[in-house]
Protein backbone atom coordinates (compact mmCIF):
# COMPACT_ATOMS: atom_id res chain seq x y z
CA UNK A 1 -28.39 -1.56 -6.15
CA UNK A 2 -26.72 0.62 -3.58
CA UNK A 3 -24.25 3.18 -5.01
CA UNK A 4 -21.52 2.01 -2.62
CA UNK A 5 -21.90 -1.58 -3.83
CA UNK A 6 -21.74 -0.47 -7.45
CA UNK A 7 -18.55 1.53 -6.84
CA UNK A 8 -16.89 -1.35 -4.98
CA UNK A 9 -17.85 -3.78 -7.72
CA UNK A 10 -16.50 -1.41 -10.39
CA UNK A 11 -13.22 -0.99 -8.49
CA UNK A 12 -12.80 -4.76 -8.11
CA UNK A 13 -13.57 -5.27 -11.80
CA UNK A 14 -10.99 -2.62 -12.76
CA UNK A 15 -8.32 -4.19 -10.56
CA UNK A 16 -8.99 -7.64 -12.01
CA UNK A 17 -8.92 -6.24 -15.55
CA UNK A 18 -5.57 -4.57 -14.94
CA UNK A 19 -4.11 -7.68 -13.30
CA UNK A 20 -5.11 -9.81 -16.27
CA UNK A 21 -4.20 -7.42 -19.09
CA UNK A 22 -1.08 -5.78 -17.58
CA UNK A 23 0.44 -8.12 -14.99
CA UNK A 24 3.96 -6.62 -15.08
CA UNK A 25 2.75 -3.06 -14.57
CA UNK A 26 0.39 -4.25 -11.84
CA UNK A 27 3.25 -5.99 -10.05
CA UNK A 28 5.31 -2.80 -10.27
CA UNK A 29 2.47 -0.78 -8.81
CA UNK A 30 2.05 -3.25 -5.94
CA UNK A 31 5.79 -3.12 -5.21
CA UNK A 32 5.64 0.69 -5.18
CA UNK A 33 2.72 0.74 -2.75
CA UNK A 34 4.40 -1.83 -0.49
CA UNK A 35 7.54 0.32 -0.52
CA UNK A 36 5.52 3.33 0.60
CA UNK A 37 3.93 1.29 3.39
CA UNK A 38 7.34 0.03 4.51
CA UNK A 39 8.79 3.55 4.59
CA UNK A 40 5.78 4.78 6.53
CA UNK A 41 6.08 1.95 9.07
CA UNK A 42 9.80 2.65 9.50
CA UNK A 43 9.06 6.33 10.07
CA UNK A 44 6.46 5.51 12.72
CA UNK A 45 8.87 3.11 14.44
CA UNK A 46 11.60 5.77 14.44
CA UNK A 47 9.17 8.30 15.90
CA UNK A 48 8.05 5.94 18.68
CA UNK A 49 11.65 5.02 19.49
CA UNK A 50 12.62 8.69 19.69
CA UNK A 51 9.75 9.31 22.10
CA UNK A 52 11.08 6.69 24.48
CA UNK A 53 14.75 7.56 24.05
CA UNK A 54 15.78 4.40 22.23
CA UNK A 55 16.29 5.91 18.82
CA UNK A 56 18.37 3.57 16.73
CA UNK A 57 18.39 3.76 12.96
CA UNK A 58 16.48 1.08 11.09
CA UNK A 59 18.85 -0.64 8.69
């Protein structure tokens, strides 16, 4: 088997294991990651708006 396939399979198995054995901690981790993505998207939007002179704060 290809090494890349083995690593992807192992990662998927680990994620499934954690979701099944620790669902509350997994949900917290997902919420944290989604929060980071939201903050990053808001920062990019603010940057683009400031480039075009329409900088308004995101509430």
